[in-house]
N, C-alpha and C. Protein backbone atom coordinates (compact mmCIF):
# COMPACT_ATOMS: atom_id res chain seq x y z
N MET A 1 -60.02 25.12 -16.50
CA MET A 1 -60.37 23.92 -17.19
C MET A 1 -59.30 23.61 -18.22
N THR A 2 -58.84 22.37 -18.28
CA THR A 2 -57.80 21.98 -19.23
C THR A 2 -58.45 21.37 -20.44
N THR A 3 -57.84 21.61 -21.54
CA THR A 3 -58.34 21.03 -22.77
C THR A 3 -57.41 19.90 -23.18
N VAL A 4 -58.00 18.85 -23.64
CA VAL A 4 -57.24 17.70 -24.10
C VAL A 4 -57.20 17.75 -25.61
N LYS A 5 -56.01 17.77 -26.12
CA LYS A 5 -55.85 17.80 -27.56
C LYS A 5 -55.77 16.37 -28.06
N ARG A 6 -56.60 16.05 -28.98
CA ARG A 6 -56.66 14.72 -29.54
C ARG A 6 -55.76 14.66 -30.76
N THR A 7 -54.91 13.65 -30.84
CA THR A 7 -54.04 13.49 -32.00
C THR A 7 -54.42 12.22 -32.72
N ASN A 8 -54.15 12.19 -33.98
CA ASN A 8 -54.49 10.99 -34.73
C ASN A 8 -53.34 9.98 -34.63
N ASP A 9 -53.56 8.80 -35.15
CA ASP A 9 -52.59 7.72 -35.05
C ASP A 9 -51.28 8.02 -35.77
N VAL A 10 -51.32 8.83 -36.82
CA VAL A 10 -50.11 9.14 -37.58
C VAL A 10 -49.19 9.97 -36.71
N GLU A 11 -49.75 10.98 -36.01
CA GLU A 11 -48.93 11.80 -35.14
C GLU A 11 -48.36 10.99 -33.98
N MET A 12 -49.11 10.01 -33.51
CA MET A 12 -48.67 9.18 -32.39
C MET A 12 -47.81 8.01 -32.84
N GLY A 13 -47.62 7.85 -34.14
CA GLY A 13 -46.90 6.70 -34.67
C GLY A 13 -45.51 6.55 -34.06
N SER A 14 -44.84 7.66 -33.80
CA SER A 14 -43.50 7.57 -33.24
C SER A 14 -43.55 7.17 -31.77
N LEU A 15 -44.67 7.35 -31.11
CA LEU A 15 -44.80 6.99 -29.71
C LEU A 15 -45.34 5.59 -29.50
N ILE A 16 -46.00 5.05 -30.53
CA ILE A 16 -46.58 3.72 -30.42
C ILE A 16 -45.53 2.71 -30.87
N LYS A 17 -45.27 1.73 -30.03
CA LYS A 17 -44.28 0.72 -30.35
C LYS A 17 -44.95 -0.51 -30.93
N ASP A 18 -44.28 -1.08 -31.89
CA ASP A 18 -44.75 -2.32 -32.48
C ASP A 18 -44.36 -3.46 -31.54
N PRO A 19 -45.30 -4.31 -31.13
CA PRO A 19 -44.96 -5.41 -30.23
C PRO A 19 -43.90 -6.36 -30.80
N LYS A 20 -43.85 -6.48 -32.12
CA LYS A 20 -42.83 -7.34 -32.74
C LYS A 20 -41.43 -6.79 -32.46
N GLU A 21 -41.29 -5.44 -32.49
CA GLU A 21 -39.99 -4.83 -32.21
C GLU A 21 -39.56 -5.12 -30.78
N ASP A 22 -40.50 -5.07 -29.83
CA ASP A 22 -40.20 -5.39 -28.44
C ASP A 22 -39.69 -6.81 -28.33
N ASN A 23 -40.33 -7.73 -29.01
CA ASN A 23 -39.89 -9.13 -28.98
C ASN A 23 -38.49 -9.29 -29.57
N ASN A 24 -38.22 -8.55 -30.68
CA ASN A 24 -36.90 -8.64 -31.29
C ASN A 24 -35.83 -8.08 -30.35
N ILE A 25 -36.12 -6.97 -29.70
CA ILE A 25 -35.16 -6.37 -28.76
C ILE A 25 -34.93 -7.31 -27.59
N ASN A 26 -36.02 -7.86 -27.05
CA ASN A 26 -35.88 -8.78 -25.93
C ASN A 26 -35.11 -10.03 -26.33
N ALA A 27 -35.38 -10.53 -27.54
CA ALA A 27 -34.67 -11.72 -28.01
C ALA A 27 -33.18 -11.42 -28.18
N GLU A 28 -32.87 -10.21 -28.69
CA GLU A 28 -31.47 -9.83 -28.85
C GLU A 28 -30.79 -9.69 -27.50
N ASP A 29 -31.45 -9.09 -26.53
CA ASP A 29 -30.89 -8.97 -25.18
C ASP A 29 -30.68 -10.36 -24.57
N ASP A 30 -31.64 -11.26 -24.77
CA ASP A 30 -31.51 -12.63 -24.25
C ASP A 30 -30.31 -13.33 -24.87
N ARG A 31 -30.11 -13.12 -26.19
CA ARG A 31 -28.95 -13.75 -26.85
C ARG A 31 -27.64 -13.19 -26.30
N LYS A 32 -27.59 -11.87 -26.07
CA LYS A 32 -26.38 -11.27 -25.52
C LYS A 32 -26.09 -11.82 -24.12
N GLU A 33 -27.15 -11.92 -23.30
CA GLU A 33 -26.98 -12.47 -21.96
C GLU A 33 -26.55 -13.93 -22.02
N ASP A 34 -27.14 -14.69 -22.97
CA ASP A 34 -26.80 -16.10 -23.12
C ASP A 34 -25.34 -16.26 -23.54
N ILE A 35 -24.90 -15.43 -24.49
CA ILE A 35 -23.50 -15.49 -24.93
C ILE A 35 -22.58 -15.10 -23.78
N SER A 36 -22.96 -14.07 -23.04
CA SER A 36 -22.14 -13.63 -21.91
C SER A 36 -22.04 -14.71 -20.84
N SER A 37 -23.16 -15.37 -20.54
CA SER A 37 -23.12 -16.42 -19.53
C SER A 37 -22.34 -17.62 -20.02
N LYS A 38 -22.43 -17.94 -21.32
CA LYS A 38 -21.63 -19.04 -21.88
C LYS A 38 -20.15 -18.70 -21.80
N PHE A 39 -19.80 -17.42 -22.11
CA PHE A 39 -18.40 -17.01 -22.04
C PHE A 39 -17.91 -17.10 -20.61
N ASN A 40 -18.72 -16.65 -19.66
CA ASN A 40 -18.32 -16.72 -18.26
C ASN A 40 -18.13 -18.16 -17.82
N MET A 41 -19.02 -19.04 -18.24
CA MET A 41 -18.88 -20.45 -17.86
C MET A 41 -17.64 -21.06 -18.49
N LYS A 42 -17.34 -20.68 -19.73
CA LYS A 42 -16.13 -21.18 -20.37
C LYS A 42 -14.89 -20.68 -19.64
N ALA A 43 -14.91 -19.42 -19.25
CA ALA A 43 -13.76 -18.85 -18.55
C ALA A 43 -13.58 -19.50 -17.18
N VAL A 44 -14.67 -19.68 -16.47
CA VAL A 44 -14.60 -20.31 -15.15
C VAL A 44 -14.15 -21.76 -15.26
N SER A 45 -14.71 -22.48 -16.23
CA SER A 45 -14.32 -23.89 -16.37
C SER A 45 -12.87 -24.00 -16.84
N ALA A 46 -12.41 -23.10 -17.70
CA ALA A 46 -11.01 -23.13 -18.13
C ALA A 46 -10.07 -22.85 -16.96
N CYS A 47 -10.42 -21.87 -16.12
CA CYS A 47 -9.59 -21.57 -14.94
C CYS A 47 -9.58 -22.74 -13.97
N ALA A 48 -10.74 -23.33 -13.74
CA ALA A 48 -10.81 -24.47 -12.81
C ALA A 48 -10.02 -25.67 -13.34
N LEU A 49 -10.14 -25.92 -14.63
CA LEU A 49 -9.41 -27.04 -15.23
C LEU A 49 -7.90 -26.80 -15.19
N TYR A 50 -7.48 -25.59 -15.53
CA TYR A 50 -6.06 -25.26 -15.49
C TYR A 50 -5.51 -25.40 -14.07
N SER A 51 -6.25 -24.88 -13.11
CA SER A 51 -5.80 -24.94 -11.72
C SER A 51 -5.69 -26.38 -11.23
N SER A 52 -6.70 -27.18 -11.53
CA SER A 52 -6.66 -28.57 -11.07
C SER A 52 -5.52 -29.34 -11.76
N CYS A 53 -5.31 -29.10 -13.05
CA CYS A 53 -4.19 -29.76 -13.74
C CYS A 53 -2.86 -29.31 -13.18
N SER A 54 -2.71 -28.03 -12.92
CA SER A 54 -1.45 -27.51 -12.41
C SER A 54 -1.13 -28.06 -11.03
N VAL A 55 -2.12 -28.02 -10.15
CA VAL A 55 -1.91 -28.51 -8.78
C VAL A 55 -1.64 -30.01 -8.78
N SER A 56 -2.43 -30.76 -9.54
CA SER A 56 -2.23 -32.21 -9.54
C SER A 56 -0.88 -32.59 -10.16
N MET A 57 -0.46 -31.85 -11.19
CA MET A 57 0.82 -32.17 -11.81
C MET A 57 1.98 -31.88 -10.85
N VAL A 58 1.90 -30.78 -10.11
CA VAL A 58 2.95 -30.46 -9.14
C VAL A 58 3.01 -31.54 -8.06
N LEU A 59 1.85 -31.93 -7.55
CA LEU A 59 1.83 -32.94 -6.49
C LEU A 59 2.31 -34.30 -6.98
N VAL A 60 1.89 -34.69 -8.17
CA VAL A 60 2.34 -35.97 -8.72
C VAL A 60 3.83 -35.93 -9.00
N ASN A 61 4.31 -34.84 -9.57
CA ASN A 61 5.75 -34.72 -9.84
C ASN A 61 6.56 -34.77 -8.55
N LYS A 62 6.07 -34.09 -7.53
CA LYS A 62 6.78 -34.11 -6.25
C LYS A 62 6.83 -35.53 -5.69
N SER A 63 5.72 -36.22 -5.75
CA SER A 63 5.66 -37.58 -5.24
C SER A 63 6.60 -38.50 -6.01
N LEU A 64 6.56 -38.41 -7.33
CA LEU A 64 7.41 -39.28 -8.15
C LEU A 64 8.88 -38.93 -8.01
N ALA A 65 9.19 -37.63 -8.02
CA ALA A 65 10.59 -37.22 -7.97
C ALA A 65 11.24 -37.57 -6.64
N SER A 66 10.50 -37.48 -5.57
CA SER A 66 11.12 -37.74 -4.27
C SER A 66 11.03 -39.22 -3.86
N SER A 67 10.11 -39.96 -4.43
CA SER A 67 9.91 -41.35 -4.01
C SER A 67 10.62 -42.38 -4.88
N TYR A 68 10.68 -42.15 -6.18
CA TYR A 68 11.13 -43.20 -7.09
C TYR A 68 12.43 -42.89 -7.81
N ASN A 69 13.06 -41.77 -7.54
CA ASN A 69 14.28 -41.41 -8.26
C ASN A 69 15.41 -42.42 -8.02
N HIS A 70 15.43 -43.00 -6.83
CA HIS A 70 16.50 -43.96 -6.52
C HIS A 70 16.32 -45.30 -7.25
N LEU A 71 15.14 -45.57 -7.79
CA LEU A 71 14.88 -46.84 -8.47
C LEU A 71 15.33 -46.84 -9.93
N ILE A 72 15.58 -45.66 -10.49
CA ILE A 72 15.93 -45.56 -11.90
C ILE A 72 17.41 -45.25 -12.01
N ASN A 73 18.08 -45.96 -12.89
CA ASN A 73 19.50 -45.75 -13.11
C ASN A 73 19.66 -44.61 -14.13
N GLY A 74 19.38 -43.43 -13.73
CA GLY A 74 19.42 -42.26 -14.61
C GLY A 74 18.67 -41.13 -13.92
N ASP A 75 18.15 -40.23 -14.71
CA ASP A 75 17.46 -39.08 -14.15
C ASP A 75 15.96 -39.20 -14.40
N LEU A 76 15.22 -39.37 -13.33
CA LEU A 76 13.77 -39.49 -13.42
C LEU A 76 13.14 -38.18 -13.89
N ASN A 77 13.76 -37.06 -13.56
CA ASN A 77 13.20 -35.76 -13.94
C ASN A 77 13.06 -35.65 -15.46
N ILE A 78 14.10 -36.05 -16.18
CA ILE A 78 14.05 -35.98 -17.64
C ILE A 78 12.97 -36.91 -18.18
N LEU A 79 12.90 -38.10 -17.64
CA LEU A 79 11.88 -39.06 -18.08
C LEU A 79 10.47 -38.53 -17.84
N LEU A 80 10.23 -37.92 -16.68
CA LEU A 80 8.91 -37.37 -16.38
C LEU A 80 8.55 -36.23 -17.32
N VAL A 81 9.48 -35.33 -17.58
CA VAL A 81 9.20 -34.20 -18.46
C VAL A 81 8.92 -34.68 -19.88
N VAL A 82 9.69 -35.64 -20.35
CA VAL A 82 9.47 -36.18 -21.71
C VAL A 82 8.10 -36.87 -21.78
N PHE A 83 7.78 -37.66 -20.78
CA PHE A 83 6.49 -38.35 -20.76
C PHE A 83 5.33 -37.35 -20.74
N GLN A 84 5.45 -36.31 -19.92
CA GLN A 84 4.39 -35.30 -19.84
C GLN A 84 4.28 -34.52 -21.14
N ALA A 85 5.40 -34.24 -21.80
CA ALA A 85 5.36 -33.52 -23.08
C ALA A 85 4.67 -34.35 -24.15
N ILE A 86 5.00 -35.64 -24.21
CA ILE A 86 4.36 -36.52 -25.19
C ILE A 86 2.87 -36.62 -24.92
N THR A 87 2.50 -36.74 -23.67
CA THR A 87 1.08 -36.80 -23.31
C THR A 87 0.36 -35.52 -23.70
N ALA A 88 0.99 -34.37 -23.47
CA ALA A 88 0.37 -33.09 -23.83
C ALA A 88 0.17 -32.98 -25.33
N VAL A 89 1.17 -33.38 -26.11
CA VAL A 89 1.05 -33.32 -27.57
C VAL A 89 -0.07 -34.23 -28.05
N LEU A 90 -0.15 -35.43 -27.50
CA LEU A 90 -1.22 -36.36 -27.89
C LEU A 90 -2.60 -35.80 -27.54
N CYS A 91 -2.73 -35.19 -26.38
CA CYS A 91 -4.02 -34.61 -25.98
C CYS A 91 -4.42 -33.46 -26.89
N VAL A 92 -3.47 -32.59 -27.22
CA VAL A 92 -3.78 -31.45 -28.08
C VAL A 92 -4.11 -31.92 -29.50
N GLU A 93 -3.39 -32.89 -30.00
CA GLU A 93 -3.70 -33.44 -31.32
C GLU A 93 -5.09 -34.09 -31.35
N PHE A 94 -5.43 -34.78 -30.27
CA PHE A 94 -6.77 -35.37 -30.18
C PHE A 94 -7.83 -34.28 -30.21
N CYS A 95 -7.60 -33.20 -29.47
CA CYS A 95 -8.56 -32.08 -29.47
C CYS A 95 -8.67 -31.44 -30.85
N LYS A 96 -7.55 -31.37 -31.58
CA LYS A 96 -7.60 -30.82 -32.93
C LYS A 96 -8.41 -31.71 -33.85
N ARG A 97 -8.24 -33.02 -33.74
CA ARG A 97 -8.99 -33.95 -34.59
C ARG A 97 -10.48 -33.95 -34.26
N MET A 98 -10.82 -33.64 -33.02
CA MET A 98 -12.22 -33.55 -32.61
C MET A 98 -12.82 -32.17 -32.93
N ASN A 99 -11.99 -31.28 -33.53
CA ASN A 99 -12.40 -29.90 -33.85
C ASN A 99 -12.76 -29.09 -32.62
N TRP A 100 -12.10 -29.37 -31.51
CA TRP A 100 -12.30 -28.58 -30.30
C TRP A 100 -11.35 -27.40 -30.26
N VAL A 101 -10.20 -27.53 -30.90
CA VAL A 101 -9.23 -26.44 -31.00
C VAL A 101 -8.73 -26.36 -32.43
N GLU A 102 -8.24 -25.20 -32.79
CA GLU A 102 -7.68 -24.99 -34.12
C GLU A 102 -6.30 -24.38 -33.98
N TYR A 103 -5.36 -24.88 -34.75
CA TYR A 103 -4.04 -24.27 -34.84
C TYR A 103 -3.42 -24.74 -36.15
N PRO A 104 -2.44 -23.98 -36.65
CA PRO A 104 -1.85 -24.34 -37.95
C PRO A 104 -1.05 -25.63 -37.87
N SER A 105 -0.90 -26.26 -39.01
CA SER A 105 -0.12 -27.49 -39.10
C SER A 105 1.36 -27.19 -38.85
N PHE A 106 2.12 -28.25 -38.58
CA PHE A 106 3.54 -28.11 -38.29
C PHE A 106 4.29 -27.51 -39.48
N ASP A 107 5.16 -26.54 -39.18
CA ASP A 107 5.99 -25.89 -40.18
C ASP A 107 7.42 -25.83 -39.65
N MET A 108 8.37 -26.35 -40.42
CA MET A 108 9.75 -26.43 -39.97
C MET A 108 10.36 -25.05 -39.71
N GLU A 109 10.02 -24.06 -40.53
CA GLU A 109 10.57 -22.71 -40.33
C GLU A 109 10.09 -22.13 -39.00
N THR A 110 8.82 -22.31 -38.69
CA THR A 110 8.29 -21.85 -37.41
C THR A 110 8.95 -22.59 -36.26
N ALA A 111 9.17 -23.88 -36.43
CA ALA A 111 9.82 -24.67 -35.39
C ALA A 111 11.24 -24.18 -35.14
N LYS A 112 11.96 -23.82 -36.20
CA LYS A 112 13.33 -23.30 -36.04
C LYS A 112 13.33 -21.97 -35.30
N GLN A 113 12.35 -21.13 -35.61
CA GLN A 113 12.27 -19.83 -34.95
C GLN A 113 11.95 -19.97 -33.46
N TRP A 114 11.12 -20.94 -33.11
CA TRP A 114 10.70 -21.11 -31.73
C TRP A 114 11.59 -22.07 -30.95
N ALA A 115 12.57 -22.68 -31.58
CA ALA A 115 13.44 -23.65 -30.90
C ALA A 115 14.12 -23.08 -29.66
N PRO A 116 14.69 -21.86 -29.69
CA PRO A 116 15.31 -21.35 -28.46
C PRO A 116 14.33 -21.21 -27.30
N VAL A 117 13.11 -20.78 -27.61
CA VAL A 117 12.09 -20.65 -26.56
C VAL A 117 11.75 -22.01 -25.98
N ASN A 118 11.61 -23.00 -26.85
CA ASN A 118 11.30 -24.36 -26.38
C ASN A 118 12.42 -24.95 -25.54
N ILE A 119 13.66 -24.70 -25.94
CA ILE A 119 14.80 -25.20 -25.17
C ILE A 119 14.82 -24.57 -23.78
N LEU A 120 14.62 -23.25 -23.73
CA LEU A 120 14.58 -22.59 -22.42
C LEU A 120 13.41 -23.08 -21.58
N PHE A 121 12.27 -23.33 -22.22
CA PHE A 121 11.12 -23.85 -21.49
C PHE A 121 11.43 -25.23 -20.91
N CYS A 122 12.06 -26.09 -21.70
CA CYS A 122 12.42 -27.43 -21.20
C CYS A 122 13.42 -27.33 -20.05
N LEU A 123 14.38 -26.41 -20.16
CA LEU A 123 15.32 -26.20 -19.05
C LEU A 123 14.59 -25.76 -17.78
N MET A 124 13.58 -24.89 -17.96
CA MET A 124 12.78 -24.46 -16.82
C MET A 124 12.04 -25.64 -16.20
N LEU A 125 11.51 -26.53 -17.04
CA LEU A 125 10.82 -27.71 -16.53
C LEU A 125 11.77 -28.63 -15.77
N PHE A 126 12.97 -28.83 -16.31
CA PHE A 126 13.94 -29.70 -15.64
C PHE A 126 14.37 -29.11 -14.30
N THR A 127 14.64 -27.82 -14.27
CA THR A 127 15.05 -27.22 -12.99
C THR A 127 13.89 -27.22 -11.99
N GLY A 128 12.67 -27.05 -12.50
CA GLY A 128 11.51 -27.14 -11.62
C GLY A 128 11.35 -28.53 -11.02
N MET A 129 11.57 -29.54 -11.84
CA MET A 129 11.50 -30.92 -11.33
C MET A 129 12.59 -31.18 -10.32
N ALA A 130 13.80 -30.68 -10.59
CA ALA A 130 14.90 -30.87 -9.65
C ALA A 130 14.62 -30.15 -8.34
N SER A 131 14.02 -28.98 -8.43
CA SER A 131 13.70 -28.25 -7.18
C SER A 131 12.61 -28.97 -6.40
N LEU A 132 11.67 -29.61 -7.09
CA LEU A 132 10.64 -30.38 -6.39
C LEU A 132 11.23 -31.59 -5.66
N GLN A 133 12.31 -32.10 -6.21
CA GLN A 133 12.94 -33.26 -5.60
C GLN A 133 13.58 -32.91 -4.26
N HIS A 134 14.06 -31.67 -4.13
CA HIS A 134 14.81 -31.29 -2.94
C HIS A 134 14.11 -30.27 -2.05
N ASN A 135 13.03 -29.67 -2.50
CA ASN A 135 12.32 -28.64 -1.73
C ASN A 135 10.87 -29.04 -1.52
N THR A 136 10.21 -28.32 -0.63
CA THR A 136 8.79 -28.58 -0.38
C THR A 136 7.94 -27.95 -1.49
N VAL A 137 6.73 -28.45 -1.64
CA VAL A 137 5.81 -27.92 -2.66
C VAL A 137 5.49 -26.45 -2.41
N PRO A 138 5.19 -26.02 -1.16
CA PRO A 138 4.90 -24.59 -0.97
C PRO A 138 6.08 -23.69 -1.36
N LEU A 139 7.30 -24.11 -1.08
CA LEU A 139 8.46 -23.28 -1.43
C LEU A 139 8.60 -23.17 -2.94
N VAL A 140 8.42 -24.26 -3.65
CA VAL A 140 8.50 -24.23 -5.11
C VAL A 140 7.38 -23.35 -5.68
N THR A 141 6.19 -23.45 -5.11
CA THR A 141 5.07 -22.63 -5.56
C THR A 141 5.35 -21.15 -5.35
N VAL A 142 5.93 -20.80 -4.22
CA VAL A 142 6.28 -19.40 -3.96
C VAL A 142 7.29 -18.91 -4.99
N PHE A 143 8.32 -19.71 -5.27
CA PHE A 143 9.31 -19.31 -6.27
C PHE A 143 8.67 -19.14 -7.65
N LYS A 144 7.76 -20.04 -8.02
CA LYS A 144 7.09 -19.93 -9.32
C LYS A 144 6.28 -18.65 -9.41
N ASN A 145 5.56 -18.32 -8.34
CA ASN A 145 4.73 -17.11 -8.35
C ASN A 145 5.57 -15.84 -8.35
N VAL A 146 6.64 -15.82 -7.58
CA VAL A 146 7.51 -14.63 -7.55
C VAL A 146 8.21 -14.46 -8.90
N THR A 147 8.50 -15.56 -9.57
CA THR A 147 9.11 -15.48 -10.90
C THR A 147 8.18 -14.75 -11.86
N ASN A 148 6.89 -15.02 -11.79
CA ASN A 148 5.93 -14.32 -12.65
C ASN A 148 5.95 -12.83 -12.40
N ILE A 149 6.09 -12.44 -11.15
CA ILE A 149 6.14 -11.02 -10.82
C ILE A 149 7.41 -10.39 -11.40
N PHE A 150 8.55 -11.08 -11.27
CA PHE A 150 9.79 -10.55 -11.84
C PHE A 150 9.72 -10.44 -13.37
N ILE A 151 9.09 -11.40 -14.01
CA ILE A 151 8.95 -11.35 -15.48
C ILE A 151 8.12 -10.15 -15.89
N THR A 152 7.01 -9.91 -15.18
CA THR A 152 6.17 -8.76 -15.49
C THR A 152 6.92 -7.46 -15.23
N ALA A 153 7.69 -7.39 -14.14
CA ALA A 153 8.49 -6.20 -13.88
C ALA A 153 9.51 -5.98 -14.98
N GLY A 154 10.11 -7.06 -15.49
CA GLY A 154 11.04 -6.94 -16.60
C GLY A 154 10.37 -6.44 -17.87
N ASP A 155 9.16 -6.90 -18.13
CA ASP A 155 8.40 -6.42 -19.29
C ASP A 155 8.15 -4.92 -19.18
N VAL A 156 7.77 -4.48 -17.99
CA VAL A 156 7.49 -3.05 -17.78
C VAL A 156 8.78 -2.24 -17.93
N TYR A 157 9.88 -2.73 -17.36
CA TYR A 157 11.14 -1.98 -17.38
C TYR A 157 11.80 -1.98 -18.76
N PHE A 158 11.92 -3.14 -19.38
CA PHE A 158 12.65 -3.24 -20.64
C PHE A 158 11.83 -2.90 -21.87
N PHE A 159 10.53 -3.20 -21.86
CA PHE A 159 9.71 -3.04 -23.05
C PHE A 159 8.64 -1.96 -22.92
N ASP A 160 8.66 -1.23 -21.82
CA ASP A 160 7.69 -0.14 -21.58
C ASP A 160 6.24 -0.60 -21.71
N SER A 161 5.98 -1.84 -21.35
CA SER A 161 4.59 -2.32 -21.35
C SER A 161 3.97 -1.99 -20.00
N SER A 162 2.68 -2.14 -19.92
CA SER A 162 2.01 -1.85 -18.65
C SER A 162 1.19 -3.07 -18.23
N ALA A 163 1.08 -3.24 -16.94
CA ALA A 163 0.28 -4.34 -16.39
C ALA A 163 -1.09 -3.82 -16.01
N GLU A 164 -2.11 -4.59 -16.29
CA GLU A 164 -3.47 -4.19 -15.97
C GLU A 164 -3.69 -4.21 -14.46
N THR A 165 -4.71 -3.54 -14.03
CA THR A 165 -5.01 -3.43 -12.60
C THR A 165 -5.29 -4.79 -11.98
N LEU A 166 -6.06 -5.62 -12.67
CA LEU A 166 -6.37 -6.94 -12.13
C LEU A 166 -5.13 -7.83 -12.03
N VAL A 167 -4.19 -7.63 -12.93
CA VAL A 167 -2.93 -8.38 -12.86
C VAL A 167 -2.17 -7.97 -11.61
N MET A 168 -2.15 -6.67 -11.35
CA MET A 168 -1.46 -6.18 -10.15
C MET A 168 -2.15 -6.69 -8.88
N VAL A 169 -3.47 -6.75 -8.89
CA VAL A 169 -4.21 -7.30 -7.74
C VAL A 169 -3.86 -8.77 -7.56
N ALA A 170 -3.80 -9.52 -8.67
CA ALA A 170 -3.44 -10.94 -8.59
C ALA A 170 -2.03 -11.11 -8.03
N PHE A 171 -1.11 -10.24 -8.44
CA PHE A 171 0.25 -10.31 -7.90
C PHE A 171 0.25 -10.01 -6.40
N GLY A 172 -0.56 -9.06 -5.99
CA GLY A 172 -0.66 -8.75 -4.57
C GLY A 172 -1.17 -9.94 -3.77
N VAL A 173 -2.17 -10.62 -4.30
CA VAL A 173 -2.71 -11.81 -3.63
C VAL A 173 -1.64 -12.91 -3.58
N MET A 174 -0.89 -13.08 -4.69
CA MET A 174 0.17 -14.09 -4.71
C MET A 174 1.25 -13.77 -3.68
N LEU A 175 1.65 -12.51 -3.60
CA LEU A 175 2.68 -12.14 -2.62
C LEU A 175 2.16 -12.31 -1.20
N ALA A 176 0.92 -11.93 -0.96
CA ALA A 176 0.35 -12.11 0.38
C ALA A 176 0.30 -13.58 0.74
N GLY A 177 -0.06 -14.43 -0.22
CA GLY A 177 -0.06 -15.87 0.04
C GLY A 177 1.33 -16.40 0.30
N ALA A 178 2.32 -15.87 -0.42
CA ALA A 178 3.71 -16.31 -0.20
C ALA A 178 4.19 -15.92 1.18
N VAL A 179 3.87 -14.69 1.59
CA VAL A 179 4.27 -14.23 2.93
C VAL A 179 3.55 -15.07 4.00
N ALA A 180 2.26 -15.32 3.79
CA ALA A 180 1.51 -16.12 4.76
C ALA A 180 2.05 -17.55 4.84
N ALA A 181 2.45 -18.11 3.70
CA ALA A 181 3.00 -19.46 3.69
C ALA A 181 4.36 -19.52 4.38
N ALA A 182 5.13 -18.44 4.24
CA ALA A 182 6.46 -18.39 4.84
C ALA A 182 6.38 -18.14 6.34
N TRP A 183 5.33 -17.52 6.78
CA TRP A 183 5.17 -17.17 8.18
C TRP A 183 4.96 -18.40 8.97
């Protein structure tokens, strides 16, 4: 025969849960899940928006560079890059005024320090536009993707940095796509 030992509420206090605590824990878990889902939606929407802007800009640039360059007495590539840069600055400034993004105000010292990077970036844009004028979009896309791989390899070799596993997987997918496009 087994005996049942009866304990009072004080002894059981550590085993009895307050329903309010359960609600607080559940509410905290719900908030964490809500924040996580909002972050995932922001990440997905940012990737989708970036991809659509990138693809549409390449296609529009290809169309304009190959179709209308003969109509302008000069270089359409420079005009397109300048127009796109002005549009980008206006869009970012609009987002800043709407409090959608934050960044520091213009500083001449910072501009002087970043000038070489900006000049090289503009040269990259001009050469990209020129390549779109004479090459197909898939070929230019392959060169752009392979360039990213070379830059990462240079970072690893010269600066002893490491690439994350997902970055390496993305590079593998890019290379497989390049090989498939070339085939």
